[in-house]
């Protein structure tokens, strides 16, 4: 697997969309228990108003259409192995990945176990949402605990994905689609 994403809120799903759309094998592990199910979106650009549960349903469908796998699984651990990572799932199954994106919400357990740097409750990231652990990104509420918004979390996921795609291509990459003629 190229990229494992832990968490299926707007940050994780946005990252999955960009990555899968651009050909990287991507799996999202999450149980759709995001805070979005208690949200009413009125401040998401391009959407007049939508209940968070309906937003999640549409986002999950879109991500699946682009080829990302959505798995209702818990991640027990993530450990570095060589130049990549081993992700251990509930039940003991192990999946290898070159990159990991953590969208863990307000309890960033895996980021702590991997040794990522923290400032208080916040996972420290660079401008591309990469943590102090090379190849590990933190998006959404983990990186912005007091400033969490669906659209910001989705932007975080997009930034992390574009950084991974740029690294893979060896140059800056933009995901730009032209309208059909």
N, C-alpha and C. Protein backbone atom coordinates (compact mmCIF):
# COMPACT_ATOMS: atom_id res chain seq x y z
N UNK A 1 0.85 -1.17 0.00
CA UNK A 1 0.00 0.00 0.00
C UNK A 1 0.90 1.24 0.00
N UNK A 2 0.52 2.23 -0.80
CA UNK A 2 1.30 3.47 -0.79
C UNK A 2 1.02 4.28 0.48
N UNK A 3 -0.28 4.49 0.78
CA UNK A 3 -0.64 5.36 1.90
C UNK A 3 -1.74 4.71 2.73
N UNK A 4 -1.52 4.70 4.04
CA UNK A 4 -2.55 4.31 5.00
C UNK A 4 -3.00 5.57 5.71
N UNK A 5 -4.33 5.75 5.75
CA UNK A 5 -4.91 6.89 6.45
C UNK A 5 -5.70 6.35 7.62
N UNK A 6 -5.43 6.89 8.79
CA UNK A 6 -6.13 6.49 10.00
C UNK A 6 -7.10 7.62 10.35
N UNK A 7 -8.38 7.35 10.19
CA UNK A 7 -9.41 8.34 10.49
C UNK A 7 -10.14 8.74 9.23
N UNK A 8 -11.47 8.76 9.33
CA UNK A 8 -12.29 8.98 8.14
C UNK A 8 -13.21 10.19 8.26
N UNK A 9 -12.72 11.23 8.92
CA UNK A 9 -13.42 12.51 8.91
C UNK A 9 -12.99 13.29 7.68
N UNK A 10 -13.32 14.59 7.61
CA UNK A 10 -12.98 15.38 6.43
C UNK A 10 -11.49 15.40 6.08
N UNK A 11 -10.61 15.42 7.07
CA UNK A 11 -9.17 15.44 6.79
C UNK A 11 -8.70 14.16 6.13
N UNK A 12 -9.05 13.03 6.71
CA UNK A 12 -8.64 11.75 6.15
C UNK A 12 -9.26 11.48 4.79
N UNK A 13 -10.55 11.78 4.65
CA UNK A 13 -11.23 11.53 3.38
C UNK A 13 -10.72 12.45 2.27
N UNK A 14 -10.42 13.70 2.60
CA UNK A 14 -9.88 14.62 1.60
C UNK A 14 -8.52 14.12 1.11
N UNK A 15 -7.67 13.70 2.03
CA UNK A 15 -6.36 13.16 1.63
C UNK A 15 -6.55 11.95 0.73
N UNK A 16 -7.45 11.06 1.12
CA UNK A 16 -7.70 9.85 0.32
C UNK A 16 -8.16 10.19 -1.09
N UNK A 17 -9.01 11.19 -1.21
CA UNK A 17 -9.53 11.60 -2.51
C UNK A 17 -8.38 12.02 -3.43
N UNK A 18 -7.52 12.92 -2.97
CA UNK A 18 -6.42 13.41 -3.79
C UNK A 18 -5.45 12.28 -4.14
N UNK A 19 -5.13 11.44 -3.17
CA UNK A 19 -4.15 10.38 -3.39
C UNK A 19 -4.66 9.33 -4.36
N UNK A 20 -5.88 8.83 -4.12
CA UNK A 20 -6.43 7.78 -4.99
C UNK A 20 -6.68 8.32 -6.39
N UNK A 21 -7.17 9.53 -6.48
CA UNK A 21 -7.45 10.15 -7.79
C UNK A 21 -6.19 10.23 -8.64
N UNK A 22 -5.05 10.34 -7.98
CA UNK A 22 -3.78 10.46 -8.67
C UNK A 22 -2.95 9.19 -8.67
N UNK A 23 -3.61 8.06 -8.46
CA UNK A 23 -2.99 6.77 -8.70
C UNK A 23 -2.23 6.11 -7.56
N UNK A 24 -2.23 6.69 -6.37
CA UNK A 24 -1.56 6.01 -5.27
C UNK A 24 -2.53 5.06 -4.58
N UNK A 25 -2.07 3.85 -4.27
CA UNK A 25 -2.92 2.90 -3.56
C UNK A 25 -3.13 3.44 -2.14
N UNK A 26 -4.38 3.58 -1.78
CA UNK A 26 -4.74 4.27 -0.54
C UNK A 26 -5.83 3.51 0.18
N UNK A 27 -5.65 3.33 1.48
CA UNK A 27 -6.69 2.73 2.31
C UNK A 27 -6.96 3.66 3.49
N UNK A 28 -8.23 3.79 3.84
CA UNK A 28 -8.65 4.59 4.99
C UNK A 28 -9.24 3.63 6.01
N UNK A 29 -8.68 3.66 7.22
CA UNK A 29 -9.22 2.87 8.32
C UNK A 29 -9.98 3.80 9.25
N UNK A 30 -11.23 3.52 9.46
CA UNK A 30 -12.06 4.32 10.34
C UNK A 30 -13.43 3.69 10.46
N UNK A 31 -14.16 4.11 11.46
CA UNK A 31 -15.47 3.51 11.71
C UNK A 31 -16.60 4.52 11.57
N UNK A 32 -16.34 5.60 10.85
CA UNK A 32 -17.33 6.64 10.61
C UNK A 32 -17.95 7.12 11.93
N UNK A 33 -17.10 7.33 12.91
CA UNK A 33 -17.55 7.85 14.21
C UNK A 33 -17.04 9.28 14.42
N UNK A 34 -16.86 9.98 13.33
CA UNK A 34 -16.34 11.34 13.37
C UNK A 34 -17.34 12.31 14.02
N UNK A 35 -16.81 13.41 14.51
CA UNK A 35 -17.65 14.46 15.10
C UNK A 35 -18.58 15.08 14.06
N UNK A 36 -18.35 14.81 12.80
CA UNK A 36 -19.21 15.35 11.74
C UNK A 36 -20.67 14.95 11.93
N UNK A 37 -20.92 13.83 12.57
CA UNK A 37 -22.30 13.36 12.77
C UNK A 37 -23.08 14.24 13.75
N UNK A 38 -22.40 15.15 14.42
CA UNK A 38 -23.05 16.09 15.33
C UNK A 38 -22.94 17.52 14.81
N UNK A 39 -22.63 17.66 13.53
CA UNK A 39 -22.41 18.98 12.95
C UNK A 39 -23.47 19.32 11.90
N UNK A 40 -23.72 20.59 11.78
CA UNK A 40 -24.53 21.14 10.69
C UNK A 40 -23.61 22.10 9.95
N UNK A 41 -23.28 21.81 8.71
CA UNK A 41 -22.35 22.64 7.96
C UNK A 41 -23.08 23.79 7.29
N UNK A 42 -22.68 25.00 7.65
CA UNK A 42 -23.18 26.22 7.00
C UNK A 42 -22.02 27.11 6.55
N UNK A 43 -20.80 26.63 6.77
CA UNK A 43 -19.63 27.44 6.46
C UNK A 43 -18.63 26.69 5.59
N UNK A 44 -19.12 25.74 4.80
CA UNK A 44 -18.27 24.98 3.90
C UNK A 44 -18.46 25.53 2.50
N UNK A 45 -17.42 26.13 1.96
CA UNK A 45 -17.48 26.80 0.68
C UNK A 45 -18.12 25.91 -0.38
N UNK A 46 -19.11 26.44 -1.07
CA UNK A 46 -19.76 25.73 -2.16
C UNK A 46 -20.95 24.89 -1.75
N UNK A 47 -21.18 24.76 -0.45
CA UNK A 47 -22.32 24.01 0.06
C UNK A 47 -23.16 24.95 0.90
N UNK A 48 -24.41 25.15 0.50
CA UNK A 48 -25.27 26.08 1.25
C UNK A 48 -25.44 25.62 2.69
N UNK A 49 -25.88 24.38 2.86
CA UNK A 49 -26.07 23.82 4.20
C UNK A 49 -26.27 22.32 4.06
N UNK A 50 -25.65 21.56 4.96
CA UNK A 50 -25.77 20.11 4.92
C UNK A 50 -25.50 19.56 6.32
N UNK A 51 -26.23 18.54 6.70
CA UNK A 51 -25.95 17.86 7.97
C UNK A 51 -24.65 17.08 7.81
N UNK A 52 -23.86 17.05 8.85
CA UNK A 52 -22.58 16.36 8.80
C UNK A 52 -22.67 14.91 8.39
N UNK A 53 -23.72 14.21 8.79
CA UNK A 53 -23.88 12.80 8.41
C UNK A 53 -24.08 12.66 6.90
N UNK A 54 -24.84 13.56 6.30
CA UNK A 54 -25.04 13.52 4.86
C UNK A 54 -23.75 13.88 4.13
N UNK A 55 -23.01 14.85 4.67
CA UNK A 55 -21.71 15.20 4.11
C UNK A 55 -20.78 13.98 4.12
N UNK A 56 -20.73 13.29 5.25
CA UNK A 56 -19.88 12.11 5.37
C UNK A 56 -20.26 11.05 4.35
N UNK A 57 -21.55 10.82 4.20
CA UNK A 57 -22.02 9.82 3.24
C UNK A 57 -21.55 10.15 1.83
N UNK A 58 -21.74 11.40 1.42
CA UNK A 58 -21.33 11.82 0.09
C UNK A 58 -19.81 11.76 -0.07
N UNK A 59 -19.08 12.20 0.94
CA UNK A 59 -17.62 12.20 0.87
C UNK A 59 -17.08 10.77 0.77
N UNK A 60 -17.63 9.87 1.55
CA UNK A 60 -17.19 8.47 1.51
C UNK A 60 -17.46 7.86 0.13
N UNK A 61 -18.62 8.16 -0.44
CA UNK A 61 -18.94 7.65 -1.78
C UNK A 61 -17.97 8.19 -2.82
N UNK A 62 -17.67 9.48 -2.74
CA UNK A 62 -16.76 10.10 -3.70
C UNK A 62 -15.37 9.48 -3.62
N UNK A 63 -14.87 9.31 -2.42
CA UNK A 63 -13.55 8.72 -2.22
C UNK A 63 -13.50 7.30 -2.78
N UNK A 64 -14.56 6.54 -2.53
CA UNK A 64 -14.63 5.18 -3.06
C UNK A 64 -14.66 5.14 -4.58
N UNK A 65 -15.37 6.08 -5.19
CA UNK A 65 -15.42 6.13 -6.66
C UNK A 65 -14.04 6.36 -7.27
N UNK A 66 -13.16 7.05 -6.56
CA UNK A 66 -11.81 7.29 -7.07
C UNK A 66 -10.84 6.17 -6.75
N UNK A 67 -11.31 5.15 -6.05
CA UNK A 67 -10.49 3.96 -5.86
C UNK A 67 -9.86 3.77 -4.50
N UNK A 68 -10.08 4.68 -3.57
CA UNK A 68 -9.55 4.45 -2.22
C UNK A 68 -10.39 3.37 -1.55
N UNK A 69 -9.75 2.56 -0.75
CA UNK A 69 -10.45 1.54 0.02
C UNK A 69 -10.86 2.15 1.36
N UNK A 70 -12.09 1.94 1.77
CA UNK A 70 -12.57 2.39 3.07
C UNK A 70 -12.83 1.13 3.90
N UNK A 71 -12.12 0.98 4.99
CA UNK A 71 -12.21 -0.21 5.81
C UNK A 71 -12.69 0.14 7.22
N UNK A 72 -13.71 -0.54 7.67
CA UNK A 72 -14.25 -0.37 9.02
C UNK A 72 -13.39 -1.19 9.97
N UNK A 73 -12.20 -0.67 10.26
CA UNK A 73 -11.23 -1.37 11.09
C UNK A 73 -10.56 -0.39 12.04
N UNK A 74 -10.12 -0.91 13.15
CA UNK A 74 -9.34 -0.14 14.11
C UNK A 74 -7.86 -0.40 13.87
N UNK A 75 -7.05 0.62 14.05
CA UNK A 75 -5.60 0.47 13.97
C UNK A 75 -5.07 0.39 15.38
N UNK A 76 -4.39 -0.71 15.67
CA UNK A 76 -3.82 -0.91 17.01
C UNK A 76 -2.47 -0.23 17.16
N UNK A 77 -1.65 -0.25 16.10
CA UNK A 77 -0.31 0.31 16.20
C UNK A 77 0.23 0.64 14.82
N UNK A 78 1.18 1.57 14.79
CA UNK A 78 1.94 1.90 13.59
C UNK A 78 3.40 1.96 14.02
N UNK A 79 4.25 1.24 13.31
CA UNK A 79 5.68 1.26 13.62
C UNK A 79 6.48 1.43 12.34
N UNK A 80 7.61 2.12 12.47
CA UNK A 80 8.49 2.29 11.31
C UNK A 80 9.20 0.97 11.07
N UNK A 81 9.28 0.61 9.79
CA UNK A 81 10.07 -0.54 9.38
C UNK A 81 10.78 -0.18 8.09
N UNK A 82 12.11 -0.08 8.16
CA UNK A 82 12.88 0.34 7.00
C UNK A 82 12.50 1.76 6.61
N UNK A 83 12.19 1.95 5.33
CA UNK A 83 11.82 3.28 4.87
C UNK A 83 10.31 3.51 4.90
N UNK A 84 9.56 2.54 5.42
CA UNK A 84 8.11 2.66 5.48
C UNK A 84 7.57 2.35 6.86
N UNK A 85 6.35 1.84 6.87
CA UNK A 85 5.64 1.61 8.13
C UNK A 85 4.87 0.30 8.07
N UNK A 86 4.70 -0.31 9.22
CA UNK A 86 3.81 -1.45 9.38
C UNK A 86 2.65 -0.97 10.24
N UNK A 87 1.45 -1.17 9.72
CA UNK A 87 0.23 -0.79 10.41
C UNK A 87 -0.43 -2.08 10.89
N UNK A 88 -0.58 -2.19 12.21
CA UNK A 88 -1.21 -3.39 12.76
C UNK A 88 -2.67 -3.10 13.07
N UNK A 89 -3.54 -3.91 12.48
CA UNK A 89 -4.98 -3.74 12.64
C UNK A 89 -5.50 -4.60 13.77
N UNK A 90 -6.70 -4.27 14.24
CA UNK A 90 -7.35 -5.12 15.23
C UNK A 90 -7.43 -6.53 14.64
N UNK A 91 -7.20 -7.52 15.45
CA UNK A 91 -7.18 -8.88 14.96
C UNK A 91 -5.81 -9.35 14.52
N UNK A 92 -4.82 -8.44 14.50
CA UNK A 92 -3.44 -8.83 14.22
C UNK A 92 -2.97 -8.67 12.79
N UNK A 93 -3.86 -8.41 11.84
CA UNK A 93 -3.42 -8.24 10.45
C UNK A 93 -2.45 -7.07 10.36
N UNK A 94 -1.44 -7.21 9.50
CA UNK A 94 -0.43 -6.18 9.32
C UNK A 94 -0.43 -5.72 7.87
N UNK A 95 -0.34 -4.41 7.68
CA UNK A 95 -0.33 -3.80 6.35
C UNK A 95 0.90 -2.91 6.28
N UNK A 96 1.64 -2.99 5.19
CA UNK A 96 2.79 -2.11 5.03
C UNK A 96 2.38 -0.91 4.19
N UNK A 97 3.02 0.23 4.47
CA UNK A 97 2.73 1.47 3.75
C UNK A 97 3.99 2.31 3.69
N UNK A 98 4.07 3.13 2.66
CA UNK A 98 5.20 4.06 2.54
C UNK A 98 4.96 5.34 3.31
N UNK A 99 3.67 5.73 3.43
CA UNK A 99 3.30 6.94 4.16
C UNK A 99 2.10 6.63 5.04
N UNK A 100 1.98 7.42 6.12
CA UNK A 100 0.83 7.32 7.01
C UNK A 100 0.29 8.73 7.26
N UNK A 101 -1.02 8.87 7.13
CA UNK A 101 -1.68 10.12 7.47
C UNK A 101 -2.59 9.84 8.65
N UNK A 102 -2.38 10.58 9.74
CA UNK A 102 -3.17 10.41 10.95
C UNK A 102 -4.21 11.51 11.06
N UNK A 103 -5.45 11.11 11.10
CA UNK A 103 -6.56 12.03 11.31
C UNK A 103 -7.30 11.51 12.53
N UNK A 104 -6.60 11.56 13.68
CA UNK A 104 -7.06 10.89 14.90
C UNK A 104 -8.00 11.72 15.77
N UNK A 105 -8.30 12.93 15.36
CA UNK A 105 -9.17 13.73 16.21
C UNK A 105 -8.44 14.23 17.43
N UNK A 106 -9.18 14.38 18.52
CA UNK A 106 -8.57 14.99 19.71
C UNK A 106 -7.78 14.01 20.58
N UNK A 107 -7.64 12.76 20.14
CA UNK A 107 -6.87 11.77 20.90
C UNK A 107 -5.79 11.15 20.00
N UNK A 108 -4.71 11.86 19.74
CA UNK A 108 -3.69 11.38 18.79
C UNK A 108 -2.74 10.33 19.38
N UNK A 109 -3.29 9.19 19.78
CA UNK A 109 -2.52 8.11 20.41
C UNK A 109 -1.40 7.61 19.50
N UNK A 110 -1.70 7.35 18.23
CA UNK A 110 -0.69 6.79 17.33
C UNK A 110 0.44 7.78 17.09
N UNK A 111 0.12 9.05 17.00
CA UNK A 111 1.17 10.08 16.84
C UNK A 111 2.11 10.05 18.04
N UNK A 112 1.55 9.90 19.23
CA UNK A 112 2.39 9.81 20.43
C UNK A 112 3.26 8.57 20.39
N UNK A 113 2.67 7.43 20.05
CA UNK A 113 3.43 6.18 20.03
C UNK A 113 4.54 6.20 18.99
N UNK A 114 4.34 6.92 17.89
CA UNK A 114 5.37 7.03 16.86
C UNK A 114 6.48 8.01 17.24
N UNK A 115 6.26 8.78 18.31
CA UNK A 115 7.27 9.74 18.76
C UNK A 115 7.19 11.10 18.11
N UNK A 116 6.05 11.45 17.55
CA UNK A 116 5.88 12.78 16.96
C UNK A 116 5.99 13.85 18.05
N UNK A 117 6.45 15.01 17.66
CA UNK A 117 6.57 16.14 18.60
C UNK A 117 5.19 16.73 18.88
N UNK A 118 5.02 17.19 20.10
CA UNK A 118 3.76 17.81 20.54
C UNK A 118 4.06 19.16 21.19
N UNK A 119 3.12 20.08 21.05
CA UNK A 119 3.08 21.31 21.84
C UNK A 119 1.74 21.27 22.56
N UNK A 120 1.77 20.90 23.82
CA UNK A 120 0.51 20.69 24.54
C UNK A 120 -0.23 19.53 23.89
N UNK A 121 -1.52 19.72 23.59
CA UNK A 121 -2.27 18.63 22.97
C UNK A 121 -2.10 18.55 21.44
N UNK A 122 -1.39 19.53 20.84
CA UNK A 122 -1.28 19.64 19.39
C UNK A 122 -0.09 18.87 18.85
N UNK A 123 -0.34 18.04 17.82
CA UNK A 123 0.76 17.41 17.10
C UNK A 123 1.42 18.48 16.26
N UNK A 124 2.71 18.66 16.42
CA UNK A 124 3.45 19.66 15.67
C UNK A 124 3.66 19.16 14.24
N UNK A 125 3.31 20.02 13.28
CA UNK A 125 3.49 19.67 11.87
C UNK A 125 4.16 20.84 11.15
N UNK A 126 4.73 20.53 9.99
CA UNK A 126 5.27 21.59 9.15
C UNK A 126 4.15 22.15 8.27
N UNK A 127 4.47 23.01 7.34
CA UNK A 127 3.44 23.65 6.53
C UNK A 127 2.71 22.68 5.61
N UNK A 128 3.26 21.47 5.45
CA UNK A 128 2.63 20.45 4.62
C UNK A 128 1.95 19.37 5.46
N UNK A 129 1.85 19.61 6.76
CA UNK A 129 1.22 18.72 7.72
C UNK A 129 2.03 17.47 8.03
N UNK A 130 3.33 17.47 7.68
CA UNK A 130 4.19 16.35 8.06
C UNK A 130 4.64 16.56 9.51
N UNK A 131 4.61 15.49 10.28
CA UNK A 131 5.06 15.55 11.67
C UNK A 131 6.58 15.49 11.72
N UNK A 132 7.11 15.45 12.92
CA UNK A 132 8.56 15.30 13.10
C UNK A 132 9.04 13.90 12.72
N UNK A 133 8.12 12.99 12.45
CA UNK A 133 8.45 11.64 12.00
C UNK A 133 8.32 11.63 10.48
N UNK A 134 9.43 11.54 9.74
CA UNK A 134 9.34 11.58 8.28
C UNK A 134 8.37 10.52 7.73
N UNK A 135 7.51 10.98 6.83
CA UNK A 135 6.54 10.08 6.22
C UNK A 135 5.22 9.97 6.96
N UNK A 136 5.13 10.63 8.13
CA UNK A 136 3.89 10.61 8.92
C UNK A 136 3.32 12.02 8.96
N UNK A 137 2.06 12.13 8.59
CA UNK A 137 1.35 13.41 8.55
C UNK A 137 0.22 13.40 9.58
N UNK A 138 -0.09 14.56 10.13
CA UNK A 138 -1.23 14.71 11.04
C UNK A 138 -2.11 15.80 10.50
N UNK A 139 -3.41 15.51 10.38
CA UNK A 139 -4.35 16.46 9.82
C UNK A 139 -5.56 16.62 10.73
N UNK A 140 -6.24 17.75 10.56
CA UNK A 140 -7.48 17.98 11.30
C UNK A 140 -7.24 18.34 12.75
N UNK A 141 -8.14 17.88 13.59
CA UNK A 141 -8.17 18.27 15.00
C UNK A 141 -6.89 17.92 15.75
N UNK A 142 -6.18 16.87 15.34
CA UNK A 142 -4.91 16.51 16.02
C UNK A 142 -3.89 17.63 15.89
N UNK A 143 -3.87 18.27 14.73
CA UNK A 143 -2.91 19.34 14.48
C UNK A 143 -3.46 20.72 14.85
N UNK A 144 -4.79 20.82 15.01
CA UNK A 144 -5.44 22.11 15.33
C UNK A 144 -6.53 21.88 16.37
N UNK A 145 -6.18 21.47 17.57
CA UNK A 145 -7.22 21.07 18.53
C UNK A 145 -8.22 22.17 18.88
N UNK A 146 -7.83 23.40 18.90
CA UNK A 146 -8.75 24.46 19.27
C UNK A 146 -9.37 25.18 18.10
N UNK A 147 -9.02 24.79 16.90
CA UNK A 147 -9.47 25.50 15.70
C UNK A 147 -10.01 24.54 14.66
N UNK A 148 -10.70 23.55 15.11
CA UNK A 148 -11.18 22.50 14.22
C UNK A 148 -12.44 22.94 13.46
N UNK A 149 -12.37 22.88 12.16
CA UNK A 149 -13.50 23.14 11.27
C UNK A 149 -13.41 22.12 10.15
N UNK A 150 -14.55 21.65 9.65
CA UNK A 150 -14.54 20.64 8.59
C UNK A 150 -13.73 21.10 7.38
N UNK A 151 -13.93 22.33 6.95
CA UNK A 151 -13.25 22.81 5.75
C UNK A 151 -11.74 22.94 5.97
N UNK A 152 -11.33 23.30 7.18
CA UNK A 152 -9.90 23.39 7.50
C UNK A 152 -9.29 21.99 7.54
N UNK A 153 -10.00 21.06 8.15
CA UNK A 153 -9.51 19.67 8.20
C UNK A 153 -9.37 19.10 6.80
N UNK A 154 -10.36 19.35 5.93
CA UNK A 154 -10.28 18.88 4.54
C UNK A 154 -9.08 19.52 3.84
N UNK A 155 -8.85 20.80 4.10
CA UNK A 155 -7.68 21.47 3.52
C UNK A 155 -6.39 20.85 4.00
N UNK A 156 -6.32 20.53 5.30
CA UNK A 156 -5.13 19.85 5.83
C UNK A 156 -4.87 18.54 5.09
N UNK A 157 -5.93 17.77 4.88
CA UNK A 157 -5.79 16.49 4.17
C UNK A 157 -5.29 16.70 2.75
N UNK A 158 -5.82 17.71 2.07
CA UNK A 158 -5.39 18.01 0.71
C UNK A 158 -3.92 18.42 0.68
N UNK A 159 -3.50 19.25 1.64
CA UNK A 159 -2.10 19.69 1.70
C UNK A 159 -1.17 18.50 1.91
N UNK A 160 -1.51 17.61 2.82
CA UNK A 160 -0.68 16.42 3.07
C UNK A 160 -0.60 15.56 1.81
N UNK A 161 -1.73 15.35 1.15
CA UNK A 161 -1.76 14.52 -0.05
C UNK A 161 -0.92 15.13 -1.16
N UNK A 162 -1.04 16.43 -1.38
CA UNK A 162 -0.25 17.08 -2.43
C UNK A 162 1.24 17.00 -2.11
N UNK A 163 1.61 17.07 -0.82
CA UNK A 163 3.01 16.92 -0.46
C UNK A 163 3.50 15.51 -0.79
N UNK A 164 2.71 14.51 -0.46
CA UNK A 164 3.10 13.13 -0.78
C UNK A 164 3.21 12.95 -2.29
N UNK A 165 2.23 13.45 -3.03
CA UNK A 165 2.28 13.33 -4.50
C UNK A 165 3.49 14.05 -5.08
N UNK A 166 3.83 15.21 -4.53
CA UNK A 166 5.02 15.94 -4.99
C UNK A 166 6.29 15.15 -4.72
N UNK A 167 6.37 14.55 -3.54
CA UNK A 167 7.54 13.73 -3.20
C UNK A 167 7.66 12.54 -4.15
N UNK A 168 6.54 11.91 -4.42
CA UNK A 168 6.54 10.74 -5.31
C UNK A 168 6.94 11.12 -6.73
N UNK A 169 6.56 12.28 -7.19
CA UNK A 169 6.87 12.71 -8.56
C UNK A 169 8.22 13.42 -8.65
N UNK A 170 8.81 13.75 -7.50
CA UNK A 170 10.11 14.41 -7.50
C UNK A 170 10.06 15.87 -7.91
N UNK A 171 8.87 16.46 -7.90
CA UNK A 171 8.70 17.88 -8.24
C UNK A 171 7.34 18.33 -7.71
N UNK A 172 7.17 19.65 -7.66
CA UNK A 172 5.88 20.19 -7.21
C UNK A 172 4.77 19.63 -8.08
N UNK A 173 3.66 19.30 -7.45
CA UNK A 173 2.52 18.71 -8.15
C UNK A 173 1.27 19.49 -7.79
N UNK A 174 0.45 19.76 -8.79
CA UNK A 174 -0.85 20.38 -8.57
C UNK A 174 -1.92 19.47 -9.12
N UNK A 175 -2.97 19.28 -8.38
CA UNK A 175 -4.11 18.50 -8.84
C UNK A 175 -5.08 19.47 -9.49
N UNK A 176 -5.03 19.53 -10.81
CA UNK A 176 -5.84 20.50 -11.53
C UNK A 176 -6.60 19.76 -12.63
N UNK A 177 -7.90 19.86 -12.62
CA UNK A 177 -8.73 19.24 -13.64
C UNK A 177 -9.33 20.32 -14.52
N UNK A 178 -9.26 20.10 -15.83
CA UNK A 178 -9.86 21.03 -16.78
C UNK A 178 -11.28 20.56 -17.12
N UNK A 179 -12.18 21.51 -17.36
CA UNK A 179 -13.53 21.13 -17.73
C UNK A 179 -13.55 20.39 -19.07
N UNK A 180 -14.52 19.52 -19.27
CA UNK A 180 -14.61 18.84 -20.56
C UNK A 180 -14.92 19.84 -21.67
N UNK A 181 -14.47 19.56 -22.88
CA UNK A 181 -14.69 20.47 -24.01
C UNK A 181 -15.95 20.10 -24.73
